[in-house]
Structures are given as structure tokens and as C-alpha cells.
Amino acid sequence: MTVRNEMDRFHLVNDAIDRVPKLGYLAAYAKQAIRDKLIEHQQYIAEHGDDMPEVRDWKWGEVKLAPGWDENSQHGQPQKFMQPQG
């Protein structure tokens, strides 16, 4: 099970957040949601003996950008923050 080995998307995202210092408090809600999902997953495994369907059946899909983001933005920053000030 990838979750128990900490190689699942939840642990990977958490590690990525930890490695980007500028995210800091901005990612606090995401980190809490990840922790909550991992706890829910552990409880599901204890009850059913298998991964949750959303974990077990997950597949890579099409990448969709969040509103306000432009794939051509420099350094992956939101386009609205790349506009000159003044």
C-alpha cells in the first residue's frame, strides 16, 4: 500500500509544501486537509482491510489550472500577481 509506505500523492504533496519555504502559512489548510485524509484512510483500512476506493482507484488525469493561473506565467505564479504595480 502506497499510503503506508508514504509514497502516495498525499505524502508527496505534503513533502512538496514543506520544501517550498514561501508557502508557509499559505499552505496550512492544505496540510490540515492532507492530515485529515490520511487519518480517514487509516481508519478505513482498519475497518475494511483495503485502501479507500478514492485512493485505490485514483489515476493521473488531465492537469487543470486554478482560476487566475496562466500556463505561460513566469515561475508558475498567478498571472494577476505578475502585473506591474503602479
PDB file of N, CA and C in Angstrom:
ATOM      1  N   MET A   1       0.837  -1.180   0.000  1.00  0.00           N
ATOM      2  CA  MET A   1       0.000   0.000   0.000  1.00  0.00           C
ATOM      3  C   MET A   1       0.883   1.244   0.000  1.00  0.00           C
ATOM      4  N   THR A   2       0.648   2.075  -0.958  1.00  0.00           N
ATOM      5  CA  THR A   2       1.498   3.255  -1.102  1.00  0.00           C
ATOM      6  C   THR A   2       1.348   4.231   0.063  1.00  0.00           C
ATOM      7  N   VAL A   3       0.165   4.287   0.669  1.00  0.00           N
ATOM      8  CA  VAL A   3      -0.038   5.213   1.788  1.00  0.00           C
ATOM      9  C   VAL A   3       0.812   4.798   2.982  1.00  0.00           C
ATOM     10  N   ARG A   4       0.814   3.522   3.285  1.00  0.00           N
ATOM     11  CA  ARG A   4       1.614   3.055   4.424  1.00  0.00           C
ATOM     12  C   ARG A   4       3.106   3.242   4.174  1.00  0.00           C
ATOM     13  N   ASN A   5       3.526   3.227   2.930  1.00  0.00           N
ATOM     14  CA  ASN A   5       4.929   3.447   2.579  1.00  0.00           C
ATOM     15  C   ASN A   5       5.243   4.928   2.383  1.00  0.00           C
ATOM     16  N   GLU A   6       4.237   5.784   2.567  1.00  0.00           N
ATOM     17  CA  GLU A   6       4.353   7.236   2.407  1.00  0.00           C
ATOM     18  C   GLU A   6       4.827   7.639   1.007  1.00  0.00           C
ATOM     19  N   MET A   7       4.358   6.915   0.004  1.00  0.00           N
ATOM     20  CA  MET A   7       4.701   7.224  -1.386  1.00  0.00           C
ATOM     21  C   MET A   7       3.461   7.626  -2.186  1.00  0.00           C
ATOM     22  N   ASP A   8       2.373   7.918  -1.499  1.00  0.00           N
ATOM     23  CA  ASP A   8       1.130   8.293  -2.164  1.00  0.00           C
ATOM     24  C   ASP A   8       1.118   9.798  -2.445  1.00  0.00           C
ATOM     25  N   ARG A   9       0.103  10.245  -3.158  1.00  0.00           N
ATOM     26  CA  ARG A   9       0.033  11.661  -3.538  1.00  0.00           C
ATOM     27  C   ARG A   9      -0.139  12.574  -2.333  1.00  0.00           C
ATOM     28  N   PHE A  10      -0.754  12.103  -1.265  1.00  0.00           N
ATOM     29  CA  PHE A  10      -0.937  12.934  -0.084  1.00  0.00           C
ATOM     30  C   PHE A  10       0.406  13.242   0.582  1.00  0.00           C
ATOM     31  N   HIS A  11       1.216  12.211   0.779  1.00  0.00           N
ATOM     32  CA  HIS A  11       2.530  12.423   1.383  1.00  0.00           C
ATOM     33  C   HIS A  11       3.445  13.228   0.452  1.00  0.00           C
ATOM     34  N   LEU A  12       3.355  12.970  -0.849  1.00  0.00           N
ATOM     35  CA  LEU A  12       4.198  13.701  -1.795  1.00  0.00           C
ATOM     36  C   LEU A  12       3.858  15.189  -1.817  1.00  0.00           C
ATOM     37  N   VAL A  13       2.578  15.514  -1.789  1.00  0.00           N
ATOM     38  CA  VAL A  13       2.178  16.928  -1.764  1.00  0.00           C
ATOM     39  C   VAL A  13       2.636  17.570  -0.459  1.00  0.00           C
ATOM     40  N   ASN A  14       2.459  16.856   0.635  1.00  0.00           N
ATOM     41  CA  ASN A  14       2.893  17.376   1.928  1.00  0.00           C
ATOM     42  C   ASN A  14       4.397  17.657   1.923  1.00  0.00           C
ATOM     43  N   ASP A  15       5.180  16.735   1.378  1.00  0.00           N
ATOM     44  CA  ASP A  15       6.627  16.940   1.283  1.00  0.00           C
ATOM     45  C   ASP A  15       6.959  18.141   0.397  1.00  0.00           C
ATOM     46  N   ALA A  16       6.245  18.279  -0.712  1.00  0.00           N
ATOM     47  CA  ALA A  16       6.493  19.411  -1.617  1.00  0.00           C
ATOM     48  C   ALA A  16       6.201  20.736  -0.908  1.00  0.00           C
ATOM     49  N   ILE A  17       5.104  20.789  -0.166  1.00  0.00           N
ATOM     50  CA  ILE A  17       4.763  22.009   0.576  1.00  0.00           C
ATOM     51  C   ILE A  17       5.876  22.343   1.567  1.00  0.00           C
ATOM     52  N   ASP A  18       6.374  21.332   2.265  1.00  0.00           N
ATOM     53  CA  ASP A  18       7.431  21.553   3.248  1.00  0.00           C
ATOM     54  C   ASP A  18       8.719  22.065   2.610  1.00  0.00           C
ATOM     55  N   ARG A  19       8.944  21.759   1.347  1.00  0.00           N
ATOM     56  CA  ARG A  19      10.191  22.133   0.676  1.00  0.00           C
ATOM     57  C   ARG A  19      10.123  23.489  -0.028  1.00  0.00           C
ATOM     58  N   VAL A  20       8.963  24.127  -0.003  1.00  0.00           N
ATOM     59  CA  VAL A  20       8.807  25.449  -0.617  1.00  0.00           C
ATOM     60  C   VAL A  20       8.574  26.457   0.510  1.00  0.00           C
ATOM     61  N   PRO A  21       9.650  27.074   0.997  1.00  0.00           N
ATOM     62  CA  PRO A  21       9.551  27.949   2.166  1.00  0.00           C
ATOM     63  C   PRO A  21       8.524  29.078   2.023  1.00  0.00           C
ATOM     64  N   LYS A  22       8.347  29.606   0.837  1.00  0.00           N
ATOM     65  CA  LYS A  22       7.437  30.733   0.659  1.00  0.00           C
ATOM     66  C   LYS A  22       5.973  30.351   0.879  1.00  0.00           C
ATOM     67  N   LEU A  23       5.648  29.071   0.823  1.00  0.00           N
ATOM     68  CA  LEU A  23       4.259  28.674   1.041  1.00  0.00           C
ATOM     69  C   LEU A  23       3.853  28.886   2.492  1.00  0.00           C
ATOM     70  N   GLY A  24       4.709  28.482   3.413  1.00  0.00           N
ATOM     71  CA  GLY A  24       4.483  28.698   4.838  1.00  0.00           C
ATOM     72  C   GLY A  24       3.044  28.553   5.262  1.00  0.00           C
ATOM     73  N   TYR A  25       2.520  29.622   5.868  1.00  0.00           N
ATOM     74  CA  TYR A  25       1.159  29.594   6.389  1.00  0.00           C
ATOM     75  C   TYR A  25       0.106  29.496   5.289  1.00  0.00           C
ATOM     76  N   LEU A  26       0.456  29.858   4.057  1.00  0.00           N
ATOM     77  CA  LEU A  26      -0.499  29.799   2.955  1.00  0.00           C
ATOM     78  C   LEU A  26      -0.973  28.377   2.687  1.00  0.00           C
ATOM     79  N   ALA A  27      -0.154  27.410   3.046  1.00  0.00           N
ATOM     80  CA  ALA A  27      -0.498  26.015   2.794  1.00  0.00           C
ATOM     81  C   ALA A  27      -1.033  25.307   4.036  1.00  0.00           C
ATOM     82  N   ALA A  28      -1.286  26.039   5.098  1.00  0.00           N
ATOM     83  CA  ALA A  28      -1.729  25.418   6.349  1.00  0.00           C
ATOM     84  C   ALA A  28      -3.024  24.632   6.177  1.00  0.00           C
ATOM     85  N   TYR A  29      -3.985  25.191   5.464  1.00  0.00           N
ATOM     86  CA  TYR A  29      -5.262  24.487   5.261  1.00  0.00           C
ATOM     87  C   TYR A  29      -5.072  23.235   4.401  1.00  0.00           C
ATOM     88  N   ALA A  30      -4.215  23.328   3.401  1.00  0.00           N
ATOM     89  CA  ALA A  30      -3.943  22.160   2.559  1.00  0.00           C
ATOM     90  C   ALA A  30      -3.278  21.063   3.382  1.00  0.00           C
ATOM     91  N   LYS A  31      -2.317  21.433   4.212  1.00  0.00           N
ATOM     92  CA  LYS A  31      -1.636  20.441   5.051  1.00  0.00           C
ATOM     93  C   LYS A  31      -2.612  19.794   6.034  1.00  0.00           C
ATOM     94  N   GLN A  32      -3.536  20.574   6.586  1.00  0.00           N
ATOM     95  CA  GLN A  32      -4.520  20.011   7.508  1.00  0.00           C
ATOM     96  C   GLN A  32      -5.466  19.064   6.768  1.00  0.00           C
ATOM     97  N   ALA A  33      -5.878  19.437   5.565  1.00  0.00           N
ATOM     98  CA  ALA A  33      -6.757  18.571   4.769  1.00  0.00           C
ATOM     99  C   ALA A  33      -6.053  17.255   4.439  1.00  0.00           C
ATOM    100  N   ILE A  34      -4.769  17.330   4.154  1.00  0.00           N
ATOM    101  CA  ILE A  34      -3.989  16.124   3.871  1.00  0.00           C
ATOM    102  C   ILE A  34      -3.923  15.238   5.109  1.00  0.00           C
ATOM    103  N   ARG A  35      -3.625  15.829   6.258  1.00  0.00           N
ATOM    104  CA  ARG A  35      -3.580  15.044   7.513  1.00  0.00           C
ATOM    105  C   ARG A  35      -4.928  14.387   7.790  1.00  0.00           C
ATOM    106  N   ASP A  36      -6.009  15.154   7.597  1.00  0.00           N
ATOM    107  CA  ASP A  36      -7.354  14.609   7.830  1.00  0.00           C
ATOM    108  C   ASP A  36      -7.645  13.430   6.909  1.00  0.00           C
ATOM    109  N   LYS A  37      -7.252  13.564   5.642  1.00  0.00           N
ATOM    110  CA  LYS A  37      -7.499  12.490   4.684  1.00  0.00           C
ATOM    111  C   LYS A  37      -6.681  11.252   5.032  1.00  0.00           C
ATOM    112  N   LEU A  38      -5.449  11.438   5.475  1.00  0.00           N
ATOM    113  CA  LEU A  38      -4.619  10.293   5.861  1.00  0.00           C
ATOM    114  C   LEU A  38      -5.186   9.579   7.093  1.00  0.00           C
ATOM    115  N   ILE A  39      -5.714  10.333   8.041  1.00  0.00           N
ATOM    116  CA  ILE A  39      -6.356   9.720   9.211  1.00  0.00           C
ATOM    117  C   ILE A  39      -7.597   8.945   8.786  1.00  0.00           C
ATOM    118  N   GLU A  40      -8.411   9.568   7.923  1.00  0.00           N
ATOM    119  CA  GLU A  40      -9.604   8.892   7.401  1.00  0.00           C
ATOM    120  C   GLU A  40      -9.217   7.599   6.690  1.00  0.00           C
ATOM    121  N   HIS A  41      -8.143   7.654   5.933  1.00  0.00           N
ATOM    122  CA  HIS A  41      -7.679   6.481   5.189  1.00  0.00           C
ATOM    123  C   HIS A  41      -7.232   5.371   6.139  1.00  0.00           C
ATOM    124  N   GLN A  42      -6.485   5.730   7.187  1.00  0.00           N
ATOM    125  CA  GLN A  42      -6.044   4.730   8.165  1.00  0.00           C
ATOM    126  C   GLN A  42      -7.236   4.064   8.845  1.00  0.00           C
ATOM    127  N   GLN A  43      -8.255   4.846   9.174  1.00  0.00           N
ATOM    128  CA  GLN A  43      -9.456   4.287   9.795  1.00  0.00           C
ATOM    129  C   GLN A  43     -10.187   3.355   8.837  1.00  0.00           C
ATOM    130  N   TYR A  44     -10.238   3.723   7.564  1.00  0.00           N
ATOM    131  CA  TYR A  44     -10.892   2.888   6.557  1.00  0.00           C
ATOM    132  C   TYR A  44     -10.166   1.549   6.425  1.00  0.00           C
ATOM    133  N   ILE A  45      -8.843   1.603   6.381  1.00  0.00           N
ATOM    134  CA  ILE A  45      -8.056   0.367   6.270  1.00  0.00           C
ATOM    135  C   ILE A  45      -8.300  -0.527   7.483  1.00  0.00           C
ATOM    136  N   ALA A  46      -8.340   0.053   8.677  1.00  0.00           N
ATOM    137  CA  ALA A  46      -8.572  -0.734   9.885  1.00  0.00           C
ATOM    138  C   ALA A  46      -9.929  -1.434   9.837  1.00  0.00           C
ATOM    139  N   GLU A  47     -10.919  -0.766   9.252  1.00  0.00           N
ATOM    140  CA  GLU A  47     -12.270  -1.345   9.190  1.00  0.00           C
ATOM    141  C   GLU A  47     -12.464  -2.310   8.030  1.00  0.00           C
ATOM    142  N   HIS A  48     -11.891  -1.984   6.855  1.00  0.00           N
ATOM    143  CA  HIS A  48     -12.168  -2.754   5.639  1.00  0.00           C
ATOM    144  C   HIS A  48     -10.994  -3.596   5.157  1.00  0.00           C
ATOM    145  N   GLY A  49      -9.799  -3.340   5.675  1.00  0.00           N
ATOM    146  CA  GLY A  49      -8.629  -4.119   5.277  1.00  0.00           C
ATOM    147  C   GLY A  49      -8.111  -3.810   3.888  1.00  0.00           C
ATOM    148  N   ASP A  50      -8.511  -2.680   3.324  1.00  0.00           N
ATOM    149  CA  ASP A  50      -8.082  -2.298   1.984  1.00  0.00           C
ATOM    150  C   ASP A  50      -8.082  -0.777   1.893  1.00  0.00           C
ATOM    151  N   ASP A  51      -7.419  -0.247   0.852  1.00  0.00           N
ATOM    152  CA  ASP A  51      -7.412   1.199   0.620  1.00  0.00           C
ATOM    153  C   ASP A  51      -8.816   1.708   0.342  1.00  0.00           C
ATOM    154  N   MET A  52      -9.033   2.978   0.661  1.00  0.00           N
ATOM    155  CA  MET A  52     -10.284   3.636   0.292  1.00  0.00           C
ATOM    156  C   MET A  52     -10.381   3.620  -1.233  1.00  0.00           C
ATOM    157  N   PRO A  53     -11.595   3.497  -1.784  1.00  0.00           N
ATOM    158  CA  PRO A  53     -11.735   3.485  -3.245  1.00  0.00           C
ATOM    159  C   PRO A  53     -11.097   4.705  -3.920  1.00  0.00           C
ATOM    160  N   GLU A  54     -11.203   5.882  -3.309  1.00  0.00           N
ATOM    161  CA  GLU A  54     -10.635   7.077  -3.940  1.00  0.00           C
ATOM    162  C   GLU A  54      -9.111   7.019  -3.991  1.00  0.00           C
ATOM    163  N   VAL A  55      -8.503   6.242  -3.124  1.00  0.00           N
ATOM    164  CA  VAL A  55      -7.054   6.044  -3.152  1.00  0.00           C
ATOM    165  C   VAL A  55      -6.719   4.891  -4.089  1.00  0.00           C
ATOM    166  N   ARG A  56      -7.397   3.778  -3.913  1.00  0.00           N
ATOM    167  CA  ARG A  56      -7.128   2.569  -4.697  1.00  0.00           C
ATOM    168  C   ARG A  56      -7.348   2.788  -6.197  1.00  0.00           C
ATOM    169  N   ASP A  57      -8.408   3.518  -6.545  1.00  0.00           N
ATOM    170  CA  ASP A  57      -8.803   3.661  -7.956  1.00  0.00           C
ATOM    171  C   ASP A  57      -8.307   4.946  -8.603  1.00  0.00           C
ATOM    172  N   TRP A  58      -7.489   5.724  -7.884  1.00  0.00           N
ATOM    173  CA  TRP A  58      -7.032   7.006  -8.400  1.00  0.00           C
ATOM    174  C   TRP A  58      -6.103   6.826  -9.592  1.00  0.00           C
ATOM    175  N   LYS A  59      -6.276   7.660 -10.611  1.00  0.00           N
ATOM    176  CA  LYS A  59      -5.429   7.662 -11.812  1.00  0.00           C
ATOM    177  C   LYS A  59      -5.028   9.097 -12.111  1.00  0.00           C
ATOM    178  N   TRP A  60      -3.849   9.257 -12.706  1.00  0.00           N
ATOM    179  CA  TRP A  60      -3.442  10.579 -13.171  1.00  0.00           C
ATOM    180  C   TRP A  60      -4.432  11.033 -14.219  1.00  0.00           C
ATOM    181  N   GLY A  61      -4.850  12.269 -14.136  1.00  0.00           N
ATOM    182  CA  GLY A  61      -5.790  12.822 -15.105  1.00  0.00           C
ATOM    183  C   GLY A  61      -5.220  14.040 -15.781  1.00  0.00           C
ATOM    184  N   GLU A  62      -6.084  14.729 -16.484  1.00  0.00           N
ATOM    185  CA  GLU A  62      -5.691  15.956 -17.165  1.00  0.00           C
ATOM    186  C   GLU A  62      -5.382  17.034 -16.138  1.00  0.00           C
ATOM    187  N   VAL A  63      -4.320  17.779 -16.380  1.00  0.00           N
ATOM    188  CA  VAL A  63      -3.948  18.869 -15.477  1.00  0.00           C
ATOM    189  C   VAL A  63      -4.844  20.062 -15.772  1.00  0.00           C
ATOM    190  N   LYS A  64      -5.466  20.585 -14.722  1.00  0.00           N
ATOM    191  CA  LYS A  64      -6.321  21.761 -14.863  1.00  0.00           C
ATOM    192  C   LYS A  64      -5.765  22.859 -13.974  1.00  0.00           C
ATOM    193  N   LEU A  65      -5.576  24.031 -14.551  1.00  0.00           N
ATOM    194  CA  LEU A  65      -5.059  25.162 -13.793  1.00  0.00           C
ATOM    195  C   LEU A  65      -6.172  25.807 -12.983  1.00  0.00           C
ATOM    196  N   ALA A  66      -5.832  26.295 -11.818  1.00  0.00           N
ATOM    197  CA  ALA A  66      -6.785  27.006 -10.977  1.00  0.00           C
ATOM    198  C   ALA A  66      -7.144  28.332 -11.637  1.00  0.00           C
ATOM    199  N   PRO A  67      -8.337  28.856 -11.338  1.00  0.00           N
ATOM    200  CA  PRO A  67      -8.721  30.152 -11.892  1.00  0.00           C
ATOM    201  C   PRO A  67      -7.677  31.209 -11.550  1.00  0.00           C
ATOM    202  N   GLY A  68      -7.360  32.051 -12.511  1.00  0.00           N
ATOM    203  CA  GLY A  68      -6.384  33.111 -12.309  1.00  0.00           C
ATOM    204  C   GLY A  68      -4.965  32.694 -12.651  1.00  0.00           C
ATOM    205  N   TRP A  69      -4.749  31.424 -12.986  1.00  0.00           N
ATOM    206  CA  TRP A  69      -3.407  30.946 -13.326  1.00  0.00           C
ATOM    207  C   TRP A  69      -3.310  30.798 -14.835  1.00  0.00           C
ATOM    208  N   ASP A  70      -2.147  31.110 -15.353  1.00  0.00           N
ATOM    209  CA  ASP A  70      -1.886  31.032 -16.789  1.00  0.00           C
ATOM    210  C   ASP A  70      -0.672  30.146 -16.979  1.00  0.00           C
ATOM    211  N   GLU A  71      -0.783  29.147 -17.848  1.00  0.00           N
ATOM    212  CA  GLU A  71       0.342  28.216 -18.045  1.00  0.00           C
ATOM    213  C   GLU A  71       1.589  28.898 -18.577  1.00  0.00           C
ATOM    214  N   ASN A  72       1.456  30.113 -19.108  1.00  0.00           N
ATOM    215  CA  ASN A  72       2.607  30.842 -19.628  1.00  0.00           C
ATOM    216  C   ASN A  72       3.207  31.812 -18.604  1.00  0.00           C
ATOM    217  N   SER A  73       2.643  31.831 -17.393  1.00  0.00           N
ATOM    218  CA  SER A  73       3.162  32.728 -16.354  1.00  0.00           C
ATOM    219  C   SER A  73       4.571  32.323 -15.974  1.00  0.00           C
ATOM    220  N   GLN A  74       5.373  33.304 -15.619  1.00  0.00           N
ATOM    221  CA  GLN A  74       6.741  33.025 -15.200  1.00  0.00           C
ATOM    222  C   GLN A  74       6.727  32.351 -13.836  1.00  0.00           C
ATOM    223  N   HIS A  75       7.552  31.335 -13.683  1.00  0.00           N
ATOM    224  CA  HIS A  75       7.755  30.642 -12.415  1.00  0.00           C
ATOM    225  C   HIS A  75       6.468  30.080 -11.839  1.00  0.00           C
ATOM    226  N   GLY A  76       5.450  29.831 -12.655  1.00  0.00           N
ATOM    227  CA  GLY A  76       4.218  29.253 -12.167  1.00  0.00           C
ATOM    228  C   GLY A  76       3.436  30.158 -11.235  1.00  0.00           C
ATOM    229  N   GLN A  77       3.672  31.471 -11.308  1.00  0.00           N
ATOM    230  CA  GLN A  77       2.969  32.403 -10.431  1.00  0.00           C
ATOM    231  C   GLN A  77       1.630  32.777 -11.060  1.00  0.00           C
ATOM    232  N   PRO A  78       0.649  33.101 -10.225  1.00  0.00           N
ATOM    233  CA  PRO A  78      -0.634  33.539 -10.772  1.00  0.00           C
ATOM    234  C   PRO A  78      -0.432  34.764 -11.656  1.00  0.00           C
ATOM    235  N   GLN A  79      -1.107  34.777 -12.790  1.00  0.00           N
ATOM    236  CA  GLN A  79      -0.966  35.863 -13.752  1.00  0.00           C
ATOM    237  C   GLN A  79      -1.316  37.199 -13.112  1.00  0.00           C
ATOM    238  N   LYS A  80      -2.331  37.252 -12.260  1.00  0.00           N
ATOM    239  CA  LYS A  80      -2.745  38.529 -11.691  1.00  0.00           C
ATOM    240  C   LYS A  80      -1.646  39.152 -10.820  1.00  0.00           C
ATOM    241  N   PHE A  81      -0.737  38.355 -10.277  1.00  0.00           N
ATOM    242  CA  PHE A  81       0.343  38.902  -9.467  1.00  0.00           C
ATOM    243  C   PHE A  81       1.560  39.277 -10.310  1.00  0.00           C
ATOM    244  N   MET A  82       1.539  38.949 -11.568  1.00  0.00           N
ATOM    245  CA  MET A  82       2.670  39.261 -12.441  1.00  0.00           C
ATOM    246  C   MET A  82       2.494  40.638 -13.109  1.00  0.00           C
ATOM    247  N   GLN A  83       1.365  41.297 -12.873  1.00  0.00           N
ATOM    248  CA  GLN A  83       1.131  42.601 -13.493  1.00  0.00           C
ATOM    249  C   GLN A  83       1.982  43.654 -12.786  1.00  0.00           C
ATOM    250  N   PRO A  84       2.517  44.621 -13.552  1.00  0.00           N
ATOM    251  CA  PRO A  84       3.331  45.695 -12.928  1.00  0.00           C
ATOM    252  C   PRO A  84       2.489  46.506 -11.953  1.00  0.00           C
ATOM    253  N   GLN A  85       3.123  46.938 -10.889  1.00  0.00           N
ATOM    254  CA  GLN A  85       2.462  47.782  -9.905  1.00  0.00           C
ATOM    255  C   GLN A  85       2.503  49.234 -10.374  1.00  0.00           C
ATOM    256  N   GLY A  86       1.499  50.004 -10.014  1.00  0.00           N
ATOM    257  CA  GLY A  86       1.552  51.431 -10.295  1.00  0.00           C
ATOM    258  C   GLY A  86       0.626  51.881 -11.262  1.00  0.00           C
TER     259      GLY A  86
END
